[in-house]
Full PDB file with SEQRES, HELIX, SHEET, SSBOND, CRYST1, ORIGX, SCALE, CONECT and MASTER records, all heavy atoms in Angstrom:
SEQRES   1 A   33  CYS LEU TYR VAL VAL VAL ALA THR ILE PRO THR GLY LEU          
SEQRES   2 A   33  LEU GLY VAL PHE VAL GLY PRO SER MET GLU ALA LEU SER          
SEQRES   3 A   33  ALA ASP VAL THR TRP VAL ALA                                  
HELIX    1 AA1 LEU A    2  SER A   26  1                                  25    
HELIX    2 AA2 VAL A   29  VAL A   32  1                                   4    
CRYST1    1.000    1.000    1.000  90.00  90.00  90.00 P 1           1          
ORIGX1      1.000000  0.000000  0.000000        0.00000                         
ORIGX2      0.000000  1.000000  0.000000        0.00000                         
ORIGX3      0.000000  0.000000  1.000000        0.00000                         
SCALE1      1.000000  0.000000  0.000000        0.00000                         
SCALE2      0.000000  1.000000  0.000000        0.00000                         
SCALE3      0.000000  0.000000  1.000000        0.00000                         
ATOM      1  N   CYS A   1     -22.739  28.213  60.616  1.00  0.00           N  
ATOM      2  CA  CYS A   1     -23.596  28.829  61.631  1.00  0.00           C  
ATOM      3  C   CYS A   1     -22.883  28.868  62.981  1.00  0.00           C  
ATOM      4  O   CYS A   1     -22.908  29.883  63.682  1.00  0.00           O  
ATOM      5  CB  CYS A   1     -24.907  28.051  61.742  1.00  0.00           C  
ATOM      6  SG  CYS A   1     -26.081  28.740  62.941  1.00  0.00           S  
ATOM      7  N   LEU A   2     -22.216  27.763  63.327  1.00  0.00           N  
ATOM      8  CA  LEU A   2     -21.460  27.704  64.577  1.00  0.00           C  
ATOM      9  C   LEU A   2     -20.322  28.718  64.562  1.00  0.00           C  
ATOM     10  O   LEU A   2     -20.088  29.416  65.554  1.00  0.00           O  
ATOM     11  CB  LEU A   2     -20.903  26.300  64.775  1.00  0.00           C  
ATOM     12  CG  LEU A   2     -19.943  26.102  65.955  1.00  0.00           C  
ATOM     13  CD1 LEU A   2     -20.654  26.375  67.271  1.00  0.00           C  
ATOM     14  CD2 LEU A   2     -19.357  24.696  65.939  1.00  0.00           C  
ATOM     15  N   TYR A   3     -19.638  28.839  63.436  1.00  0.00           N  
ATOM     16  CA  TYR A   3     -18.514  29.770  63.339  1.00  0.00           C  
ATOM     17  C   TYR A   3     -18.972  31.228  63.443  1.00  0.00           C  
ATOM     18  O   TYR A   3     -18.256  32.070  63.993  1.00  0.00           O  
ATOM     19  CB  TYR A   3     -17.771  29.552  62.024  1.00  0.00           C  
ATOM     20  CG  TYR A   3     -17.115  28.197  61.907  1.00  0.00           C  
ATOM     21  CD1 TYR A   3     -16.893  27.605  60.662  1.00  0.00           C  
ATOM     22  CD2 TYR A   3     -16.725  27.489  63.039  1.00  0.00           C  
ATOM     23  CE1 TYR A   3     -16.293  26.359  60.559  1.00  0.00           C  
ATOM     24  CE2 TYR A   3     -16.136  26.253  62.943  1.00  0.00           C  
ATOM     25  CZ  TYR A   3     -15.917  25.682  61.704  1.00  0.00           C  
ATOM     26  OH  TYR A   3     -15.327  24.445  61.601  1.00  0.00           O  
ATOM     27  N   VAL A   4     -20.147  31.528  62.920  1.00  0.00           N  
ATOM     28  CA  VAL A   4     -20.693  32.886  63.037  1.00  0.00           C  
ATOM     29  C   VAL A   4     -20.927  33.226  64.511  1.00  0.00           C  
ATOM     30  O   VAL A   4     -20.610  34.327  64.978  1.00  0.00           O  
ATOM     31  CB  VAL A   4     -22.005  33.027  62.241  1.00  0.00           C  
ATOM     32  CG1 VAL A   4     -22.708  34.342  62.582  1.00  0.00           C  
ATOM     33  CG2 VAL A   4     -21.730  32.961  60.744  1.00  0.00           C  
ATOM     34  N   VAL A   5     -21.462  32.264  65.242  1.00  0.00           N  
ATOM     35  CA  VAL A   5     -21.682  32.467  66.677  1.00  0.00           C  
ATOM     36  C   VAL A   5     -20.355  32.681  67.397  1.00  0.00           C  
ATOM     37  O   VAL A   5     -20.207  33.588  68.223  1.00  0.00           O  
ATOM     38  CB  VAL A   5     -22.435  31.262  67.285  1.00  0.00           C  
ATOM     39  CG1 VAL A   5     -22.531  31.406  68.804  1.00  0.00           C  
ATOM     40  CG2 VAL A   5     -23.830  31.153  66.692  1.00  0.00           C  
ATOM     41  N   VAL A   6     -19.369  31.858  67.065  1.00  0.00           N  
ATOM     42  CA  VAL A   6     -18.049  31.972  67.689  1.00  0.00           C  
ATOM     43  C   VAL A   6     -17.405  33.319  67.352  1.00  0.00           C  
ATOM     44  O   VAL A   6     -16.791  33.964  68.210  1.00  0.00           O  
ATOM     45  CB  VAL A   6     -17.135  30.813  67.236  1.00  0.00           C  
ATOM     46  CG1 VAL A   6     -15.702  31.040  67.717  1.00  0.00           C  
ATOM     47  CG2 VAL A   6     -17.660  29.493  67.778  1.00  0.00           C  
ATOM     48  N   ALA A   7     -17.566  33.767  66.107  1.00  0.00           N  
ATOM     49  CA  ALA A   7     -16.945  35.012  65.668  1.00  0.00           C  
ATOM     50  C   ALA A   7     -17.528  36.235  66.361  1.00  0.00           C  
ATOM     51  O   ALA A   7     -16.885  37.283  66.444  1.00  0.00           O  
ATOM     52  CB  ALA A   7     -17.083  35.160  64.156  1.00  0.00           C  
ATOM     53  N   THR A   8     -18.762  36.127  66.874  1.00  0.00           N  
ATOM     54  CA  THR A   8     -19.381  37.267  67.568  1.00  0.00           C  
ATOM     55  C   THR A   8     -18.929  37.381  69.029  1.00  0.00           C  
ATOM     56  O   THR A   8     -19.161  38.414  69.662  1.00  0.00           O  
ATOM     57  CB  THR A   8     -20.914  37.161  67.548  1.00  0.00           C  
ATOM     58  OG1 THR A   8     -21.318  35.965  68.225  1.00  0.00           O  
ATOM     59  CG2 THR A   8     -21.439  37.137  66.123  1.00  0.00           C  
ATOM     60  N   ILE A   9     -18.281  36.338  69.546  1.00  0.00           N  
ATOM     61  CA  ILE A   9     -17.886  36.344  70.953  1.00  0.00           C  
ATOM     62  C   ILE A   9     -16.923  37.480  71.292  1.00  0.00           C  
ATOM     63  O   ILE A   9     -17.140  38.200  72.278  1.00  0.00           O  
ATOM     64  CB  ILE A   9     -17.291  34.975  71.359  1.00  0.00           C  
ATOM     65  CG1 ILE A   9     -18.380  33.896  71.301  1.00  0.00           C  
ATOM     66  CG2 ILE A   9     -16.669  35.046  72.752  1.00  0.00           C  
ATOM     67  CD1 ILE A   9     -17.881  32.500  71.598  1.00  0.00           C  
ATOM     68  N   PRO A  10     -15.848  37.711  70.527  1.00  0.00           N  
ATOM     69  CA  PRO A  10     -14.942  38.821  70.864  1.00  0.00           C  
ATOM     70  C   PRO A  10     -15.648  40.177  70.910  1.00  0.00           C  
ATOM     71  O   PRO A  10     -15.428  40.970  71.830  1.00  0.00           O  
ATOM     72  CB  PRO A  10     -13.896  38.766  69.745  1.00  0.00           C  
ATOM     73  CG  PRO A  10     -13.891  37.350  69.296  1.00  0.00           C  
ATOM     74  CD  PRO A  10     -15.325  36.920  69.388  1.00  0.00           C  
ATOM     75  N   THR A  11     -16.515  40.450  69.926  1.00  0.00           N  
ATOM     76  CA  THR A  11     -17.242  41.716  69.919  1.00  0.00           C  
ATOM     77  C   THR A  11     -18.209  41.795  71.091  1.00  0.00           C  
ATOM     78  O   THR A  11     -18.380  42.861  71.702  1.00  0.00           O  
ATOM     79  CB  THR A  11     -18.012  41.890  68.598  1.00  0.00           C  
ATOM     80  OG1 THR A  11     -17.083  41.847  67.512  1.00  0.00           O  
ATOM     81  CG2 THR A  11     -18.750  43.212  68.560  1.00  0.00           C  
ATOM     82  N   GLY A  12     -18.841  40.668  71.417  1.00  0.00           N  
ATOM     83  CA  GLY A  12     -19.751  40.638  72.563  1.00  0.00           C  
ATOM     84  C   GLY A  12     -19.035  40.941  73.867  1.00  0.00           C  
ATOM     85  O   GLY A  12     -19.525  41.719  74.693  1.00  0.00           O  
ATOM     86  N   LEU A  13     -17.867  40.342  74.055  1.00  0.00           N  
ATOM     87  CA  LEU A  13     -17.077  40.604  75.260  1.00  0.00           C  
ATOM     88  C   LEU A  13     -16.638  42.064  75.312  1.00  0.00           C  
ATOM     89  O   LEU A  13     -16.644  42.694  76.379  1.00  0.00           O  
ATOM     90  CB  LEU A  13     -15.850  39.688  75.294  1.00  0.00           C  
ATOM     91  CG  LEU A  13     -16.137  38.193  75.481  1.00  0.00           C  
ATOM     92  CD1 LEU A  13     -14.849  37.390  75.368  1.00  0.00           C  
ATOM     93  CD2 LEU A  13     -16.803  37.938  76.831  1.00  0.00           C  
ATOM     94  N   LEU A  14     -16.275  42.593  74.149  1.00  0.00           N  
ATOM     95  CA  LEU A  14     -15.863  44.002  74.082  1.00  0.00           C  
ATOM     96  C   LEU A  14     -17.011  44.914  74.511  1.00  0.00           C  
ATOM     97  O   LEU A  14     -16.826  45.870  75.251  1.00  0.00           O  
ATOM     98  CB  LEU A  14     -15.417  44.337  72.663  1.00  0.00           C  
ATOM     99  CG  LEU A  14     -14.785  45.711  72.441  1.00  0.00           C  
ATOM    100  CD1 LEU A  14     -13.430  45.782  73.136  1.00  0.00           C  
ATOM    101  CD2 LEU A  14     -14.632  45.985  70.960  1.00  0.00           C  
ATOM    102  N   GLY A  15     -18.218  44.594  74.032  1.00  0.00           N  
ATOM    103  CA  GLY A  15     -19.380  45.395  74.392  1.00  0.00           C  
ATOM    104  C   GLY A  15     -19.707  45.320  75.876  1.00  0.00           C  
ATOM    105  O   GLY A  15     -20.101  46.319  76.491  1.00  0.00           O  
ATOM    106  N   VAL A  16     -19.540  44.137  76.466  1.00  0.00           N  
ATOM    107  CA  VAL A  16     -19.850  43.966  77.891  1.00  0.00           C  
ATOM    108  C   VAL A  16     -18.903  44.770  78.767  1.00  0.00           C  
ATOM    109  O   VAL A  16     -19.318  45.435  79.723  1.00  0.00           O  
ATOM    110  CB  VAL A  16     -19.788  42.471  78.273  1.00  0.00           C  
ATOM    111  CG1 VAL A  16     -19.857  42.300  79.790  1.00  0.00           C  
ATOM    112  CG2 VAL A  16     -20.934  41.715  77.608  1.00  0.00           C  
ATOM    113  N   PHE A  17     -17.616  44.739  78.438  1.00  0.00           N  
ATOM    114  CA  PHE A  17     -16.616  45.350  79.312  1.00  0.00           C  
ATOM    115  C   PHE A  17     -16.364  46.831  79.035  1.00  0.00           C  
ATOM    116  O   PHE A  17     -16.052  47.579  79.957  1.00  0.00           O  
ATOM    117  CB  PHE A  17     -15.301  44.573  79.226  1.00  0.00           C  
ATOM    118  CG  PHE A  17     -15.368  43.195  79.819  1.00  0.00           C  
ATOM    119  CD1 PHE A  17     -15.394  42.063  79.006  1.00  0.00           C  
ATOM    120  CD2 PHE A  17     -15.439  43.019  81.201  1.00  0.00           C  
ATOM    121  CE1 PHE A  17     -15.464  40.799  79.562  1.00  0.00           C  
ATOM    122  CE2 PHE A  17     -15.516  41.759  81.759  1.00  0.00           C  
ATOM    123  CZ  PHE A  17     -15.529  40.640  80.941  1.00  0.00           C  
ATOM    124  N   VAL A  18     -16.465  47.242  77.778  1.00  0.00           N  
ATOM    125  CA  VAL A  18     -16.164  48.648  77.468  1.00  0.00           C  
ATOM    126  C   VAL A  18     -17.283  49.306  76.666  1.00  0.00           C  
ATOM    127  O   VAL A  18     -17.069  50.336  76.025  1.00  0.00           O  
ATOM    128  CB  VAL A  18     -14.824  48.767  76.702  1.00  0.00           C  
ATOM    129  CG1 VAL A  18     -13.677  48.312  77.561  1.00  0.00           C  
ATOM    130  CG2 VAL A  18     -14.867  47.983  75.391  1.00  0.00           C  
ATOM    131  N   GLY A  19     -18.475  48.724  76.714  1.00  0.00           N  
ATOM    132  CA  GLY A  19     -19.604  49.270  75.979  1.00  0.00           C  
ATOM    133  C   GLY A  19     -19.904  50.729  76.275  1.00  0.00           C  
ATOM    134  O   GLY A  19     -20.033  51.546  75.356  1.00  0.00           O  
ATOM    135  N   PRO A  20     -20.028  51.121  77.559  1.00  0.00           N  
ATOM    136  CA  PRO A  20     -20.321  52.528  77.878  1.00  0.00           C  
ATOM    137  C   PRO A  20     -19.266  53.494  77.340  1.00  0.00           C  
ATOM    138  O   PRO A  20     -19.592  54.569  76.847  1.00  0.00           O  
ATOM    139  CB  PRO A  20     -20.344  52.538  79.410  1.00  0.00           C  
ATOM    140  CG  PRO A  20     -20.729  51.138  79.780  1.00  0.00           C  
ATOM    141  CD  PRO A  20     -20.059  50.277  78.761  1.00  0.00           C  
ATOM    142  N   SER A  21     -17.998  53.085  77.421  1.00  0.00           N  
ATOM    143  CA  SER A  21     -16.935  53.943  76.898  1.00  0.00           C  
ATOM    144  C   SER A  21     -17.041  54.091  75.387  1.00  0.00           C  
ATOM    145  O   SER A  21     -16.815  55.168  74.832  1.00  0.00           O  
ATOM    146  CB  SER A  21     -15.566  53.357  77.260  1.00  0.00           C  
ATOM    147  OG  SER A  21     -15.398  53.282  78.664  1.00  0.00           O  
ATOM    148  N   MET A  22     -17.401  53.002  74.713  1.00  0.00           N  
ATOM    149  CA  MET A  22     -17.556  53.057  73.266  1.00  0.00           C  
ATOM    150  C   MET A  22     -18.693  53.983  72.868  1.00  0.00           C  
ATOM    151  O   MET A  22     -18.596  54.727  71.880  1.00  0.00           O  
ATOM    152  CB  MET A  22     -17.789  51.644  72.722  1.00  0.00           C  
ATOM    153  CG  MET A  22     -16.587  50.727  72.840  1.00  0.00           C  
ATOM    154  SD  MET A  22     -16.997  49.010  72.419  1.00  0.00           S  
ATOM    155  CE  MET A  22     -17.482  49.204  70.710  1.00  0.00           C  
ATOM    156  N   GLU A  23     -19.794  53.943  73.621  1.00  0.00           N  
ATOM    157  CA  GLU A  23     -20.925  54.816  73.324  1.00  0.00           C  
ATOM    158  C   GLU A  23     -20.542  56.273  73.518  1.00  0.00           C  
ATOM    159  O   GLU A  23     -20.966  57.147  72.760  1.00  0.00           O  
ATOM    160  CB  GLU A  23     -22.114  54.456  74.215  1.00  0.00           C  
ATOM    161  CG  GLU A  23     -22.865  53.216  73.780  1.00  0.00           C  
ATOM    162  CD  GLU A  23     -23.452  53.367  72.396  1.00  0.00           C  
ATOM    163  OE1 GLU A  23     -24.017  54.439  72.099  1.00  0.00           O  
ATOM    164  OE2 GLU A  23     -23.341  52.429  71.606  1.00  0.00           O  
ATOM    165  N   ALA A  24     -19.743  56.537  74.539  1.00  0.00           N  
ATOM    166  CA  ALA A  24     -19.298  57.915  74.778  1.00  0.00           C  
ATOM    167  C   ALA A  24     -18.408  58.396  73.636  1.00  0.00           C  
ATOM    168  O   ALA A  24     -18.518  59.535  73.170  1.00  0.00           O  
ATOM    169  CB  ALA A  24     -18.554  58.000  76.108  1.00  0.00           C  
ATOM    170  N   LEU A  25     -17.522  57.520  73.160  1.00  0.00           N  
ATOM    171  CA  LEU A  25     -16.640  57.882  72.060  1.00  0.00           C  
ATOM    172  C   LEU A  25     -17.412  58.102  70.765  1.00  0.00           C  
ATOM    173  O   LEU A  25     -17.026  58.926  69.926  1.00  0.00           O  
ATOM    174  CB  LEU A  25     -15.585  56.801  71.849  1.00  0.00           C  
ATOM    175  CG  LEU A  25     -14.486  56.702  72.919  1.00  0.00           C  
ATOM    176  CD1 LEU A  25     -13.608  55.491  72.661  1.00  0.00           C  
ATOM    177  CD2 LEU A  25     -13.644  57.971  72.953  1.00  0.00           C  
ATOM    178  N   SER A  26     -18.517  57.366  70.584  1.00  0.00           N  
ATOM    179  CA  SER A  26     -19.286  57.498  69.350  1.00  0.00           C  
ATOM    180  C   SER A  26     -19.922  58.870  69.219  1.00  0.00           C  
ATOM    181  O   SER A  26     -20.306  59.278  68.120  1.00  0.00           O  
ATOM    182  CB  SER A  26     -20.383  56.423  69.290  1.00  0.00           C  
ATOM    183  OG  SER A  26     -21.390  56.668  70.269  1.00  0.00           O  
ATOM    184  N   ALA A  27     -20.034  59.606  70.333  1.00  0.00           N  
ATOM    185  CA  ALA A  27     -20.586  60.958  70.283  1.00  0.00           C  
ATOM    186  C   ALA A  27     -19.532  61.988  69.909  1.00  0.00           C  
ATOM    187  O   ALA A  27     -19.867  63.138  69.609  1.00  0.00           O  
ATOM    188  CB  ALA A  27     -21.203  61.313  71.644  1.00  0.00           C  
ATOM    189  N   ASP A  28     -18.262  61.589  69.927  1.00  0.00           N  
ATOM    190  CA  ASP A  28     -17.165  62.496  69.595  1.00  0.00           C  
ATOM    191  C   ASP A  28     -16.845  62.358  68.114  1.00  0.00           C  
ATOM    192  O   ASP A  28     -16.256  61.374  67.673  1.00  0.00           O  
ATOM    193  CB  ASP A  28     -15.937  62.139  70.437  1.00  0.00           C  
ATOM    194  CG  ASP A  28     -14.797  63.127  70.257  1.00  0.00           C  
ATOM    195  OD1 ASP A  28     -14.838  63.909  69.279  1.00  0.00           O  
ATOM    196  OD2 ASP A  28     -13.856  63.118  71.076  1.00  0.00           O  
ATOM    197  N   VAL A  29     -17.244  63.359  67.321  1.00  0.00           N  
ATOM    198  CA  VAL A  29     -17.083  63.259  65.872  1.00  0.00           C  
ATOM    199  C   VAL A  29     -15.612  63.201  65.473  1.00  0.00           C  
ATOM    200  O   VAL A  29     -15.255  62.576  64.462  1.00  0.00           O  
ATOM    201  CB  VAL A  29     -17.797  64.436  65.180  1.00  0.00           C  
ATOM    202  CG1 VAL A  29     -17.109  65.754  65.488  1.00  0.00           C  
ATOM    203  CG2 VAL A  29     -17.871  64.213  63.683  1.00  0.00           C  
ATOM    204  N   THR A  30     -14.737  63.815  66.260  1.00  0.00           N  
ATOM    205  CA  THR A  30     -13.303  63.755  65.957  1.00  0.00           C  
ATOM    206  C   THR A  30     -12.783  62.330  66.078  1.00  0.00           C  
ATOM    207  O   THR A  30     -12.019  61.852  65.231  1.00  0.00           O  
ATOM    208  CB  THR A  30     -12.513  64.676  66.907  1.00  0.00           C  
ATOM    209  OG1 THR A  30     -13.003  66.010  66.773  1.00  0.00           O  
ATOM    210  CG2 THR A  30     -11.027  64.643  66.588  1.00  0.00           C  
ATOM    211  N   TRP A  31     -13.209  61.645  67.141  1.00  0.00           N  
ATOM    212  CA  TRP A  31     -12.812  60.252  67.326  1.00  0.00           C  
ATOM    213  C   TRP A  31     -13.368  59.388  66.201  1.00  0.00           C  
ATOM    214  O   TRP A  31     -12.663  58.527  65.662  1.00  0.00           O  
ATOM    215  CB  TRP A  31     -13.304  59.738  68.676  1.00  0.00           C  
ATOM    216  CG  TRP A  31     -13.193  58.252  68.801  1.00  0.00           C  
ATOM    217  CD1 TRP A  31     -14.175  57.332  68.597  1.00  0.00           C  
ATOM    218  CD2 TRP A  31     -12.021  57.493  69.121  1.00  0.00           C  
ATOM    219  NE1 TRP A  31     -13.706  56.060  68.762  1.00  0.00           N  
ATOM    220  CE2 TRP A  31     -12.380  56.126  69.095  1.00  0.00           C  
ATOM    221  CE3 TRP A  31     -10.702  57.846  69.427  1.00  0.00           C  
ATOM    222  CZ2 TRP A  31     -11.478  55.113  69.360  1.00  0.00           C  
ATOM    223  CZ3 TRP A  31      -9.801  56.814  69.697  1.00  0.00           C  
ATOM    224  CH2 TRP A  31     -10.181  55.476  69.663  1.00  0.00           C  
ATOM    225  N   VAL A  32     -14.624  59.595  65.833  1.00  0.00           N  
ATOM    226  CA  VAL A  32     -15.240  58.799  64.772  1.00  0.00           C  
ATOM    227  C   VAL A  32     -14.478  58.982  63.460  1.00  0.00           C  
ATOM    228  O   VAL A  32     -14.185  58.011  62.754  1.00  0.00           O  
ATOM    229  CB  VAL A  32     -16.720  59.175  64.588  1.00  0.00           C  
ATOM    230  CG1 VAL A  32     -17.313  58.465  63.379  1.00  0.00           C  
ATOM    231  CG2 VAL A  32     -17.519  58.817  65.837  1.00  0.00           C  
ATOM    232  N   ALA A  33     -14.142  60.231  63.123  1.00  0.00           N  
ATOM    233  CA  ALA A  33     -13.411  60.499  61.885  1.00  0.00           C  
ATOM    234  C   ALA A  33     -12.029  59.847  61.909  1.00  0.00           C  
ATOM    235  O   ALA A  33     -11.594  59.228  60.927  1.00  0.00           O  
ATOM    236  CB  ALA A  33     -13.277  62.009  61.675  1.00  0.00           C  
TER     237      ALA A  33                                                      
MASTER        0    0    0    2    0    0    0    6  236    1    0    3          
END                                                                             
């Protein structure tokens, strides 16, 4: 359980710092493919 929490930290930090950019890219079907 502790390791699951620790493993989510990198993704959480990624979402905090570049979340808006990721959402913008998710609308680009070429990037998604």
